[in-house]
N, C-alpha and C. Protein backbone atom coordinates (compact mmCIF):
# COMPACT_ATOMS: atom_id res chain seq x y z
N MET A 1 40.08 81.30 111.10
CA MET A 1 40.19 79.84 111.20
C MET A 1 41.65 79.42 111.06
N PRO A 2 42.17 78.61 112.00
CA PRO A 2 43.57 78.20 111.94
C PRO A 2 43.89 77.42 110.66
N MET A 3 45.09 77.64 110.15
CA MET A 3 45.51 76.93 108.94
C MET A 3 45.78 75.47 109.27
N LYS A 4 45.32 74.59 108.40
CA LYS A 4 45.57 73.17 108.60
C LYS A 4 47.06 72.87 108.47
N THR A 5 47.51 71.90 109.25
CA THR A 5 48.92 71.53 109.23
C THR A 5 49.38 71.12 107.83
N SER A 6 48.54 70.36 107.13
CA SER A 6 48.91 69.89 105.79
C SER A 6 49.05 71.05 104.81
N VAL A 7 48.18 72.06 104.95
CA VAL A 7 48.24 73.23 104.07
C VAL A 7 49.49 74.04 104.35
N LEU A 8 49.78 74.24 105.64
CA LEU A 8 50.98 74.98 106.02
C LEU A 8 52.24 74.28 105.52
N LYS A 9 52.26 72.96 105.67
CA LYS A 9 53.43 72.19 105.23
C LYS A 9 53.67 72.36 103.74
N LYS A 10 52.60 72.30 102.95
CA LYS A 10 52.73 72.47 101.50
C LYS A 10 53.22 73.87 101.16
N GLN A 11 52.73 74.87 101.89
CA GLN A 11 53.15 76.24 101.63
C GLN A 11 54.62 76.45 101.95
N LEU A 12 55.07 75.86 103.05
CA LEU A 12 56.48 75.97 103.43
C LEU A 12 57.39 75.35 102.37
N TYR A 13 57.00 74.17 101.90
CA TYR A 13 57.81 73.52 100.86
C TYR A 13 57.73 74.28 99.54
N SER A 14 56.59 74.88 99.27
CA SER A 14 56.43 75.66 98.05
C SER A 14 57.34 76.88 98.05
N GLU A 15 57.41 77.56 99.20
CA GLU A 15 58.28 78.73 99.32
C GLU A 15 59.75 78.32 99.19
N SER A 16 60.10 77.19 99.78
CA SER A 16 61.48 76.69 99.68
C SER A 16 61.82 76.31 98.25
N ALA A 17 60.85 75.72 97.55
CA ALA A 17 61.07 75.32 96.16
C ALA A 17 61.30 76.53 95.26
N ALA A 18 60.66 77.65 95.58
CA ALA A 18 60.85 78.87 94.79
C ALA A 18 62.30 79.33 94.86
N LEU A 19 62.90 79.17 96.03
CA LEU A 19 64.31 79.54 96.20
C LEU A 19 65.21 78.63 95.38
N THR A 20 64.98 77.32 95.48
CA THR A 20 65.83 76.38 94.74
C THR A 20 65.63 76.52 93.23
N LYS A 21 64.41 76.89 92.81
CA LYS A 21 64.16 77.10 91.39
C LYS A 21 64.98 78.28 90.87
N ALA A 22 65.06 79.34 91.68
CA ALA A 22 65.85 80.51 91.28
C ALA A 22 67.32 80.16 91.15
N LEU A 23 67.79 79.23 91.98
CA LEU A 23 69.19 78.82 91.95
C LEU A 23 69.47 77.77 90.87
N GLY A 24 68.42 77.19 90.32
CA GLY A 24 68.59 76.09 89.38
C GLY A 24 68.84 76.51 87.95
N ASN A 25 69.67 77.51 87.77
CA ASN A 25 69.99 78.00 86.43
C ASN A 25 71.45 78.44 86.43
N PRO A 26 72.28 77.92 85.53
CA PRO A 26 73.71 78.25 85.55
C PRO A 26 74.00 79.73 85.33
N LEU A 27 73.18 80.40 84.54
CA LEU A 27 73.41 81.82 84.29
C LEU A 27 73.13 82.64 85.55
N ARG A 28 72.11 82.25 86.29
CA ARG A 28 71.81 82.98 87.53
C ARG A 28 72.88 82.71 88.59
N LEU A 29 73.44 81.52 88.61
CA LEU A 29 74.54 81.24 89.53
C LEU A 29 75.76 82.10 89.19
N GLU A 30 76.01 82.27 87.90
CA GLU A 30 77.13 83.12 87.48
C GLU A 30 76.88 84.57 87.88
N ILE A 31 75.64 85.03 87.75
CA ILE A 31 75.30 86.39 88.15
C ILE A 31 75.51 86.57 89.65
N LEU A 32 75.11 85.59 90.44
CA LEU A 32 75.30 85.67 91.89
C LEU A 32 76.78 85.73 92.25
N ASP A 33 77.59 84.93 91.56
CA ASP A 33 79.04 84.97 91.79
C ASP A 33 79.59 86.37 91.49
N LEU A 34 79.09 86.97 90.44
CA LEU A 34 79.53 88.31 90.06
C LEU A 34 79.10 89.34 91.11
N LEU A 35 77.87 89.21 91.59
CA LEU A 35 77.35 90.16 92.58
C LEU A 35 78.01 90.00 93.94
N ALA A 36 78.68 88.88 94.16
CA ALA A 36 79.43 88.71 95.41
C ALA A 36 80.57 89.71 95.51
N GLN A 37 80.94 90.33 94.37
CA GLN A 37 82.01 91.34 94.37
C GLN A 37 81.52 92.68 94.90
N GLY A 38 80.20 92.90 94.88
CA GLY A 38 79.64 94.17 95.34
C GLY A 38 78.48 94.59 94.46
N ALA A 39 77.94 95.78 94.72
CA ALA A 39 76.81 96.29 93.95
C ALA A 39 77.24 96.64 92.53
N LEU A 40 76.51 96.10 91.55
CA LEU A 40 76.87 96.28 90.14
C LEU A 40 75.63 96.64 89.33
N SER A 41 75.84 97.41 88.28
CA SER A 41 74.73 97.82 87.43
C SER A 41 74.31 96.69 86.50
N VAL A 42 73.09 96.78 86.01
CA VAL A 42 72.58 95.78 85.07
C VAL A 42 73.48 95.72 83.84
N GLU A 43 73.91 96.90 83.37
CA GLU A 43 74.75 96.96 82.17
C GLU A 43 76.09 96.26 82.40
N TYR A 44 76.67 96.46 83.58
CA TYR A 44 77.96 95.82 83.88
C TYR A 44 77.80 94.31 83.96
N ILE A 45 76.74 93.86 84.59
CA ILE A 45 76.48 92.42 84.69
C ILE A 45 76.29 91.83 83.30
N SER A 46 75.55 92.54 82.46
CA SER A 46 75.31 92.10 81.09
C SER A 46 76.63 91.95 80.33
N GLU A 47 77.48 92.95 80.44
CA GLU A 47 78.76 92.94 79.73
C GLU A 47 79.66 91.79 80.18
N ASN A 48 79.63 91.49 81.48
CA ASN A 48 80.55 90.49 82.03
C ASN A 48 80.01 89.07 82.01
N THR A 49 78.75 88.90 81.64
CA THR A 49 78.20 87.55 81.50
C THR A 49 77.92 87.19 80.04
N GLY A 50 77.99 88.19 79.16
CA GLY A 50 77.71 87.94 77.75
C GLY A 50 76.23 87.86 77.43
N LEU A 51 75.38 88.23 78.39
CA LEU A 51 73.93 88.23 78.16
C LEU A 51 73.49 89.60 77.67
N SER A 52 72.36 89.63 77.00
CA SER A 52 71.78 90.92 76.64
C SER A 52 71.28 91.60 77.90
N VAL A 53 71.09 92.90 77.84
CA VAL A 53 70.57 93.64 78.99
C VAL A 53 69.18 93.12 79.36
N ALA A 54 68.37 92.82 78.36
CA ALA A 54 67.02 92.32 78.62
C ALA A 54 67.05 90.98 79.34
N ASN A 55 67.89 90.05 78.88
CA ASN A 55 67.99 88.75 79.53
C ASN A 55 68.57 88.87 80.93
N THR A 56 69.54 89.76 81.08
CA THR A 56 70.13 89.99 82.41
C THR A 56 69.07 90.48 83.38
N SER A 57 68.27 91.44 82.94
CA SER A 57 67.20 91.99 83.78
C SER A 57 66.19 90.91 84.17
N ALA A 58 65.87 90.03 83.22
CA ALA A 58 64.91 88.96 83.50
C ALA A 58 65.44 88.02 84.58
N HIS A 59 66.71 87.64 84.47
CA HIS A 59 67.31 86.76 85.48
C HIS A 59 67.38 87.45 86.84
N LEU A 60 67.70 88.73 86.83
CA LEU A 60 67.78 89.47 88.09
C LEU A 60 66.42 89.57 88.76
N GLN A 61 65.37 89.68 87.97
CA GLN A 61 64.03 89.74 88.55
C GLN A 61 63.67 88.42 89.25
N VAL A 62 64.08 87.31 88.65
CA VAL A 62 63.84 86.00 89.29
C VAL A 62 64.58 85.93 90.62
N LEU A 63 65.83 86.37 90.62
CA LEU A 63 66.63 86.35 91.84
C LEU A 63 66.07 87.31 92.89
N ARG A 64 65.53 88.42 92.43
CA ARG A 64 64.95 89.39 93.36
C ARG A 64 63.67 88.85 93.98
N GLN A 65 62.85 88.19 93.17
CA GLN A 65 61.61 87.61 93.69
C GLN A 65 61.90 86.53 94.72
N ALA A 66 63.04 85.85 94.57
CA ALA A 66 63.45 84.83 95.53
C ALA A 66 64.17 85.44 96.73
N ARG A 67 64.29 86.77 96.73
CA ARG A 67 64.94 87.53 97.81
C ARG A 67 66.42 87.19 97.96
N LEU A 68 67.04 86.83 96.85
CA LEU A 68 68.47 86.55 96.85
C LEU A 68 69.29 87.80 96.54
N VAL A 69 68.68 88.75 95.86
CA VAL A 69 69.35 90.01 95.54
C VAL A 69 68.41 91.17 95.87
N SER A 70 69.01 92.34 96.04
CA SER A 70 68.24 93.56 96.24
C SER A 70 68.68 94.58 95.20
N ALA A 71 67.87 95.60 94.99
CA ALA A 71 68.16 96.59 93.95
C ALA A 71 68.00 98.00 94.49
N ARG A 72 68.78 98.91 93.91
CA ARG A 72 68.63 100.34 94.22
C ARG A 72 68.84 101.12 92.93
N ARG A 73 68.13 102.21 92.79
CA ARG A 73 68.25 103.04 91.60
C ARG A 73 69.17 104.22 91.88
N ASP A 74 70.06 104.50 90.92
CA ASP A 74 70.94 105.66 91.00
C ASP A 74 70.83 106.38 89.66
N GLY A 75 69.99 107.40 89.61
CA GLY A 75 69.74 108.07 88.34
C GLY A 75 69.01 107.14 87.40
N LYS A 76 69.57 106.93 86.21
CA LYS A 76 68.95 106.06 85.23
C LYS A 76 69.38 104.61 85.36
N GLN A 77 70.36 104.35 86.22
CA GLN A 77 70.88 103.00 86.37
C GLN A 77 70.31 102.31 87.60
N VAL A 78 70.18 100.98 87.50
CA VAL A 78 69.76 100.17 88.64
C VAL A 78 70.93 99.28 89.03
N PHE A 79 71.28 99.31 90.30
CA PHE A 79 72.38 98.51 90.82
C PHE A 79 71.82 97.37 91.68
N TYR A 80 72.38 96.19 91.47
CA TYR A 80 71.96 95.01 92.23
C TYR A 80 73.09 94.55 93.14
N SER A 81 72.72 93.95 94.25
CA SER A 81 73.70 93.37 95.17
C SER A 81 73.07 92.15 95.84
N LEU A 82 73.91 91.31 96.43
CA LEU A 82 73.39 90.17 97.18
C LEU A 82 72.58 90.68 98.37
N SER A 83 71.55 89.95 98.74
CA SER A 83 70.65 90.41 99.79
C SER A 83 71.26 90.29 101.19
N GLY A 84 72.40 89.62 101.31
CA GLY A 84 73.07 89.50 102.61
C GLY A 84 74.20 88.50 102.53
N THR A 85 75.02 88.44 103.59
CA THR A 85 76.14 87.50 103.59
C THR A 85 75.65 86.05 103.55
N ASP A 86 74.43 85.81 104.05
CA ASP A 86 73.91 84.44 104.03
C ASP A 86 73.66 83.96 102.60
N THR A 87 73.39 84.90 101.69
CA THR A 87 73.21 84.51 100.28
C THR A 87 74.52 83.99 99.71
N HIS A 88 75.62 84.66 100.02
CA HIS A 88 76.91 84.19 99.51
C HIS A 88 77.29 82.87 100.17
N LYS A 89 76.99 82.71 101.46
CA LYS A 89 77.27 81.44 102.13
C LYS A 89 76.49 80.30 101.48
N LEU A 90 75.23 80.58 101.12
CA LEU A 90 74.42 79.58 100.44
C LEU A 90 75.04 79.21 99.10
N LEU A 91 75.53 80.21 98.38
CA LEU A 91 76.16 79.97 97.09
C LEU A 91 77.41 79.11 97.25
N CYS A 92 78.21 79.40 98.27
CA CYS A 92 79.42 78.61 98.54
C CYS A 92 79.07 77.17 98.91
N GLN A 93 78.03 77.00 99.72
CA GLN A 93 77.61 75.66 100.12
C GLN A 93 77.10 74.87 98.92
N LEU A 94 76.39 75.54 98.04
CA LEU A 94 75.89 74.88 96.83
C LEU A 94 77.05 74.45 95.94
N ARG A 95 78.04 75.32 95.80
CA ARG A 95 79.21 75.00 95.00
C ARG A 95 79.99 73.83 95.60
N ALA A 96 80.16 73.85 96.92
CA ALA A 96 80.89 72.77 97.59
C ALA A 96 80.16 71.44 97.43
N ALA A 97 78.82 71.48 97.54
CA ALA A 97 78.04 70.25 97.37
C ALA A 97 78.17 69.71 95.95
N ALA A 98 78.16 70.62 94.97
CA ALA A 98 78.29 70.20 93.58
C ALA A 98 79.64 69.53 93.33
N VAL A 99 80.70 70.12 93.90
CA VAL A 99 82.05 69.56 93.71
C VAL A 99 82.17 68.19 94.38
N SER A 100 81.60 68.06 95.59
CA SER A 100 81.74 66.80 96.33
C SER A 100 80.90 65.68 95.73
N ARG A 101 79.80 66.03 95.05
CA ARG A 101 78.90 65.01 94.52
C ARG A 101 79.09 64.75 93.03
N ASN A 102 79.84 65.61 92.38
CA ASN A 102 80.07 65.43 90.94
C ASN A 102 81.58 65.46 90.69
N ALA A 103 82.17 64.29 90.56
CA ALA A 103 83.62 64.19 90.40
C ALA A 103 84.10 64.87 89.12
N GLU A 104 83.21 65.02 88.14
CA GLU A 104 83.60 65.63 86.87
C GLU A 104 84.00 67.09 87.06
N ILE A 105 83.33 67.80 88.00
CA ILE A 105 83.66 69.20 88.25
C ILE A 105 85.09 69.31 88.75
N GLY A 106 85.43 68.50 89.75
CA GLY A 106 86.79 68.52 90.28
C GLY A 106 87.81 68.12 89.23
N ARG A 107 87.46 67.14 88.40
CA ARG A 107 88.39 66.70 87.36
C ARG A 107 88.65 67.80 86.35
N LEU A 108 87.58 68.51 85.95
CA LEU A 108 87.73 69.60 84.99
C LEU A 108 88.60 70.72 85.55
N LEU A 109 88.35 71.09 86.81
CA LEU A 109 89.15 72.14 87.43
C LEU A 109 90.61 71.72 87.56
N GLU A 110 90.83 70.49 88.00
CA GLU A 110 92.20 70.00 88.18
C GLU A 110 92.94 69.97 86.85
N SER A 111 92.27 69.50 85.80
CA SER A 111 92.90 69.42 84.48
C SER A 111 93.25 70.81 83.97
N TYR A 112 92.32 71.75 84.12
CA TYR A 112 92.57 73.12 83.66
C TYR A 112 93.73 73.74 84.41
N ARG A 113 93.77 73.54 85.73
CA ARG A 113 94.80 74.17 86.54
C ARG A 113 96.16 73.51 86.34
N GLU A 114 96.16 72.25 85.95
CA GLU A 114 97.43 71.62 85.58
C GLU A 114 97.98 72.28 84.32
N GLN A 115 97.10 72.57 83.37
CA GLN A 115 97.52 73.22 82.13
C GLN A 115 98.07 74.62 82.39
N LYS A 116 97.44 75.32 83.34
CA LYS A 116 97.82 76.70 83.64
C LYS A 116 98.90 76.79 84.73
N HIS A 117 99.37 75.62 85.22
CA HIS A 117 100.39 75.57 86.27
C HIS A 117 99.93 76.30 87.54
N SER A 118 98.61 76.19 87.82
CA SER A 118 98.06 76.90 88.98
C SER A 118 97.44 75.96 90.00
N ALA A 119 97.81 74.67 89.94
CA ALA A 119 97.24 73.69 90.86
C ALA A 119 97.71 73.92 92.29
N ASP A 120 98.92 74.46 92.46
CA ASP A 120 99.46 74.77 93.79
C ASP A 120 98.88 76.11 94.23
N GLN A 121 97.94 76.06 95.18
CA GLN A 121 97.21 77.27 95.56
C GLN A 121 97.53 77.71 96.99
N VAL A 122 97.33 78.99 97.24
CA VAL A 122 97.55 79.57 98.56
C VAL A 122 96.24 79.48 99.34
N ARG A 123 96.28 78.90 100.53
CA ARG A 123 95.08 78.77 101.36
C ARG A 123 94.67 80.13 101.93
N LEU A 124 93.38 80.27 102.19
CA LEU A 124 92.86 81.53 102.73
C LEU A 124 93.55 81.91 104.03
N GLU A 125 93.80 80.92 104.90
CA GLU A 125 94.40 81.23 106.20
C GLU A 125 95.84 81.72 106.09
N GLU A 126 96.47 81.54 104.94
CA GLU A 126 97.83 82.03 104.73
C GLU A 126 97.86 83.51 104.33
N ILE A 127 96.74 84.00 103.82
CA ILE A 127 96.72 85.33 103.21
C ILE A 127 97.00 86.44 104.22
N SER A 128 96.42 86.36 105.42
CA SER A 128 96.62 87.42 106.41
C SER A 128 98.09 87.62 106.72
N GLY A 129 98.83 86.52 106.87
CA GLY A 129 100.26 86.63 107.12
C GLY A 129 101.00 87.25 105.95
N MET A 130 100.56 86.94 104.75
CA MET A 130 101.20 87.50 103.56
C MET A 130 100.95 89.00 103.44
N ILE A 131 99.75 89.42 103.86
CA ILE A 131 99.41 90.84 103.79
C ILE A 131 100.39 91.66 104.63
N ASN A 132 100.76 91.12 105.78
CA ASN A 132 101.62 91.85 106.71
C ASN A 132 103.11 91.61 106.50
N SER A 133 103.45 90.62 105.66
CA SER A 133 104.86 90.25 105.53
C SER A 133 105.65 91.18 104.61
N GLY A 134 104.99 91.70 103.59
CA GLY A 134 105.70 92.52 102.61
C GLY A 134 106.59 91.71 101.69
N LYS A 135 106.47 90.37 101.75
CA LYS A 135 107.34 89.51 100.95
C LYS A 135 106.67 89.00 99.68
N VAL A 136 105.39 89.29 99.51
CA VAL A 136 104.67 88.87 98.32
C VAL A 136 103.89 90.05 97.75
N VAL A 137 103.53 89.93 96.49
CA VAL A 137 102.63 90.90 95.86
C VAL A 137 101.28 90.22 95.68
N LEU A 138 100.25 90.81 96.24
CA LEU A 138 98.89 90.30 96.06
C LEU A 138 98.30 90.99 94.83
N LEU A 139 98.04 90.21 93.81
CA LEU A 139 97.64 90.76 92.52
C LEU A 139 96.17 90.48 92.24
N ASP A 140 95.39 91.53 92.20
CA ASP A 140 93.96 91.45 91.89
C ASP A 140 93.81 91.53 90.37
N VAL A 141 93.33 90.45 89.76
CA VAL A 141 93.25 90.41 88.30
C VAL A 141 91.81 90.56 87.79
N ARG A 142 90.90 90.95 88.68
CA ARG A 142 89.53 91.25 88.26
C ARG A 142 89.50 92.58 87.51
N PRO A 143 88.41 92.90 86.83
CA PRO A 143 88.29 94.23 86.22
C PRO A 143 88.46 95.33 87.26
N ALA A 144 88.98 96.47 86.83
CA ALA A 144 89.27 97.57 87.74
C ALA A 144 88.04 98.05 88.50
N GLU A 145 86.86 97.96 87.87
CA GLU A 145 85.63 98.41 88.53
C GLU A 145 85.37 97.62 89.81
N GLU A 146 85.69 96.33 89.78
CA GLU A 146 85.46 95.48 90.96
C GLU A 146 86.52 95.73 92.02
N PHE A 147 87.74 96.00 91.59
CA PHE A 147 88.81 96.33 92.53
C PHE A 147 88.46 97.59 93.31
N GLU A 148 87.82 98.55 92.65
CA GLU A 148 87.47 99.81 93.31
C GLU A 148 86.39 99.61 94.37
N ILE A 149 85.58 98.56 94.23
CA ILE A 149 84.54 98.29 95.22
C ILE A 149 85.14 97.69 96.49
N ALA A 150 86.01 96.71 96.32
CA ALA A 150 86.65 96.05 97.46
C ALA A 150 87.86 95.26 96.96
N ALA A 151 88.86 95.11 97.83
CA ALA A 151 90.07 94.38 97.46
C ALA A 151 90.80 93.94 98.72
N LEU A 152 91.73 93.01 98.55
CA LEU A 152 92.58 92.63 99.67
C LEU A 152 93.44 93.82 100.08
N PRO A 153 93.70 94.00 101.37
CA PRO A 153 94.56 95.11 101.81
C PRO A 153 95.93 95.05 101.14
N GLY A 154 96.33 96.17 100.57
CA GLY A 154 97.65 96.25 99.94
C GLY A 154 97.75 95.63 98.56
N ALA A 155 96.64 95.15 98.02
CA ALA A 155 96.68 94.49 96.72
C ALA A 155 96.94 95.48 95.59
N VAL A 156 97.54 94.96 94.52
CA VAL A 156 97.79 95.72 93.29
C VAL A 156 96.77 95.27 92.25
N SER A 157 96.24 96.21 91.50
CA SER A 157 95.24 95.88 90.48
C SER A 157 95.85 95.92 89.08
N ILE A 158 95.85 94.75 88.44
CA ILE A 158 96.16 94.66 87.01
C ILE A 158 95.18 93.64 86.43
N PRO A 159 94.13 94.07 85.76
CA PRO A 159 93.18 93.12 85.17
C PRO A 159 93.90 92.14 84.26
N VAL A 160 93.44 90.90 84.25
CA VAL A 160 94.15 89.85 83.52
C VAL A 160 94.31 90.18 82.04
N ARG A 161 93.35 90.89 81.45
CA ARG A 161 93.46 91.26 80.04
C ARG A 161 94.60 92.24 79.79
N GLU A 162 94.96 93.01 80.81
CA GLU A 162 96.03 94.00 80.66
C GLU A 162 97.39 93.46 81.10
N LEU A 163 97.40 92.29 81.72
CA LEU A 163 98.63 91.78 82.33
C LEU A 163 99.78 91.61 81.34
N PRO A 164 99.58 91.05 80.14
CA PRO A 164 100.72 90.90 79.23
C PRO A 164 101.44 92.22 78.92
N LYS A 165 100.67 93.32 78.82
CA LYS A 165 101.27 94.61 78.50
C LYS A 165 101.84 95.32 79.73
N ARG A 166 101.35 94.96 80.93
CA ARG A 166 101.75 95.67 82.14
C ARG A 166 102.61 94.82 83.08
N ILE A 167 103.03 93.67 82.62
CA ILE A 167 103.73 92.74 83.49
C ILE A 167 105.03 93.32 84.07
N ALA A 168 105.65 94.24 83.35
CA ALA A 168 106.90 94.85 83.82
C ALA A 168 106.69 95.70 85.07
N GLU A 169 105.44 96.02 85.41
CA GLU A 169 105.16 96.79 86.62
C GLU A 169 105.37 95.96 87.89
N LEU A 170 105.46 94.64 87.73
CA LEU A 170 105.58 93.75 88.88
C LEU A 170 107.03 93.37 89.14
N PRO A 171 107.44 93.31 90.41
CA PRO A 171 108.82 92.91 90.74
C PRO A 171 109.03 91.42 90.50
N GLN A 172 110.22 91.04 90.10
CA GLN A 172 110.52 89.63 89.85
C GLN A 172 111.23 88.96 91.02
N ASP A 173 111.52 89.72 92.07
CA ASP A 173 112.28 89.15 93.19
C ASP A 173 111.39 88.71 94.35
N CYS A 174 110.08 88.59 94.12
CA CYS A 174 109.19 88.07 95.17
C CYS A 174 108.04 87.31 94.52
N GLU A 175 107.35 86.54 95.32
CA GLU A 175 106.24 85.74 94.80
C GLU A 175 105.02 86.61 94.52
N ILE A 176 104.30 86.28 93.46
CA ILE A 176 103.05 86.95 93.12
C ILE A 176 101.90 86.00 93.45
N VAL A 177 100.94 86.46 94.23
CA VAL A 177 99.75 85.67 94.54
C VAL A 177 98.56 86.34 93.86
N THR A 178 97.97 85.65 92.91
CA THR A 178 96.85 86.21 92.16
C THR A 178 95.52 85.80 92.80
N TYR A 179 94.53 86.65 92.63
CA TYR A 179 93.18 86.27 93.08
C TYR A 179 92.14 86.94 92.20
N CYS A 180 90.93 86.36 92.21
CA CYS A 180 89.85 86.92 91.40
C CYS A 180 88.52 86.78 92.14
N ARG A 181 87.47 86.37 91.44
CA ARG A 181 86.12 86.42 92.02
C ARG A 181 85.80 85.25 92.93
N GLY A 182 86.37 84.09 92.67
CA GLY A 182 86.02 82.93 93.47
C GLY A 182 86.59 81.65 92.88
N GLU A 183 86.18 80.54 93.46
CA GLU A 183 86.75 79.24 93.10
C GLU A 183 86.52 78.87 91.64
N PHE A 184 85.36 79.22 91.09
CA PHE A 184 85.05 78.89 89.70
C PHE A 184 85.50 79.98 88.73
N CYS A 185 86.02 81.07 89.25
CA CYS A 185 86.56 82.13 88.39
C CYS A 185 87.97 81.71 87.96
N LEU A 186 88.26 81.81 86.69
CA LEU A 186 89.53 81.29 86.16
C LEU A 186 90.53 82.39 85.79
N MET A 187 90.19 83.64 86.07
CA MET A 187 91.10 84.73 85.73
C MET A 187 92.43 84.62 86.48
N ALA A 188 92.37 84.21 87.75
CA ALA A 188 93.60 84.08 88.53
C ALA A 188 94.50 82.98 87.96
N ASP A 189 93.89 81.91 87.44
CA ASP A 189 94.67 80.83 86.82
C ASP A 189 95.34 81.32 85.54
N GLU A 190 94.60 82.09 84.74
CA GLU A 190 95.18 82.64 83.52
C GLU A 190 96.37 83.55 83.85
N ALA A 191 96.21 84.33 84.92
CA ALA A 191 97.29 85.24 85.32
C ALA A 191 98.53 84.47 85.76
N VAL A 192 98.34 83.37 86.49
CA VAL A 192 99.48 82.55 86.91
C VAL A 192 100.23 82.02 85.69
N ALA A 193 99.49 81.56 84.69
CA ALA A 193 100.12 81.03 83.47
C ALA A 193 100.95 82.11 82.78
N ILE A 194 100.40 83.32 82.69
CA ILE A 194 101.12 84.43 82.05
C ILE A 194 102.38 84.77 82.84
N LEU A 195 102.24 84.86 84.15
CA LEU A 195 103.38 85.23 85.00
C LEU A 195 104.49 84.19 84.93
N ARG A 196 104.12 82.92 85.04
CA ARG A 196 105.14 81.86 85.02
C ARG A 196 105.83 81.78 83.67
N ALA A 197 105.08 82.04 82.60
CA ALA A 197 105.69 82.02 81.27
C ALA A 197 106.71 83.14 81.10
N ASN A 198 106.61 84.16 81.96
CA ASN A 198 107.54 85.29 81.90
C ASN A 198 108.56 85.28 83.04
N GLY A 199 108.72 84.12 83.67
CA GLY A 199 109.77 83.96 84.65
C GLY A 199 109.43 84.36 86.08
N TYR A 200 108.16 84.61 86.37
CA TYR A 200 107.76 84.99 87.72
C TYR A 200 107.39 83.76 88.54
N SER A 201 107.58 83.87 89.85
CA SER A 201 107.07 82.87 90.78
C SER A 201 105.65 83.28 91.16
N ALA A 202 104.68 82.43 90.83
CA ALA A 202 103.29 82.84 91.02
C ALA A 202 102.41 81.66 91.42
N ARG A 203 101.45 81.95 92.29
CA ARG A 203 100.39 81.01 92.66
C ARG A 203 99.08 81.79 92.75
N ARG A 204 97.97 81.07 92.75
CA ARG A 204 96.68 81.73 92.92
C ARG A 204 96.14 81.46 94.32
N MET A 205 95.33 82.38 94.82
CA MET A 205 94.62 82.15 96.06
C MET A 205 93.54 81.11 95.80
N GLU A 206 93.34 80.18 96.73
CA GLU A 206 92.48 79.03 96.47
C GLU A 206 91.03 79.42 96.17
N LYS A 207 90.56 80.50 96.74
CA LYS A 207 89.19 80.93 96.48
C LYS A 207 89.22 82.36 95.98
N GLY A 208 88.26 83.20 96.38
CA GLY A 208 88.23 84.56 95.89
C GLY A 208 88.10 85.57 97.01
N LEU A 209 88.01 86.83 96.63
CA LEU A 209 87.91 87.90 97.62
C LEU A 209 86.70 87.74 98.54
N PRO A 210 85.50 87.41 98.03
CA PRO A 210 84.35 87.28 98.94
C PRO A 210 84.55 86.21 100.02
N GLU A 211 85.18 85.09 99.64
CA GLU A 211 85.43 84.04 100.63
C GLU A 211 86.43 84.50 101.69
N TRP A 212 87.44 85.26 101.26
CA TRP A 212 88.40 85.79 102.23
C TRP A 212 87.71 86.77 103.18
N GLU A 213 86.86 87.63 102.64
CA GLU A 213 86.14 88.59 103.49
C GLU A 213 85.27 87.86 104.51
N ASN A 214 84.58 86.81 104.07
CA ASN A 214 83.74 86.04 104.99
C ASN A 214 84.57 85.35 106.07
N SER A 215 85.76 84.89 105.69
CA SER A 215 86.63 84.22 106.67
C SER A 215 87.08 85.20 107.75
N GLN A 216 87.23 86.47 107.39
CA GLN A 216 87.62 87.48 108.37
C GLN A 216 86.47 87.81 109.32
N LEU A 217 85.24 87.78 108.81
CA LEU A 217 84.07 88.06 109.64
C LEU A 217 83.85 86.97 110.68
N GLN A 218 84.29 85.75 110.36
CA GLN A 218 84.07 84.62 111.26
C GLN A 218 85.10 84.54 112.37
N ARG A 219 86.11 85.40 112.33
CA ARG A 219 87.16 85.36 113.36
C ARG A 219 86.67 85.98 114.66
């Protein structure tokens, strides 16, 4: 017997609501931002979000049921990743909508970046030219584990926590462009503040590595 139009309509909206429900939690949004860096273990996600392993697993199950993430087992560990590039695009669109509709988000970011002297940012379209110029240092300040998964071509890895002790490894006669996980990730801003306090010319990339990778796919 054919399904009634009204029943089908309710089912379609119900399935869509399940997706938005999975996204309607700040901790799960943070996990998705982290997974945009690549496949990561439950333990690594737990460590970098401050959640217990049990809570991390529970949030990941919600995201998996909504088909936003996928999982694979490697020995005793389970690694999660975004289910596709469209998941990251959805996350970016959600973030952009939040910023455009909630002036407080933009105000908070602007205020923080004024404090860190990182308000002047490098646009994504400028990065390709910088990669080939040899006139700047592209500094990846994410944890080393994420750098090993993917990074900007020619980038140098110094995690922001190690930067004060390793700053002498960087040349002072060229600009340093820092980058991290994304627009809401503040590690690149912290790195700019550290670098400028030590006499370096530094700016942050306006977004993160995943956004740059997506911009290259669209060319």
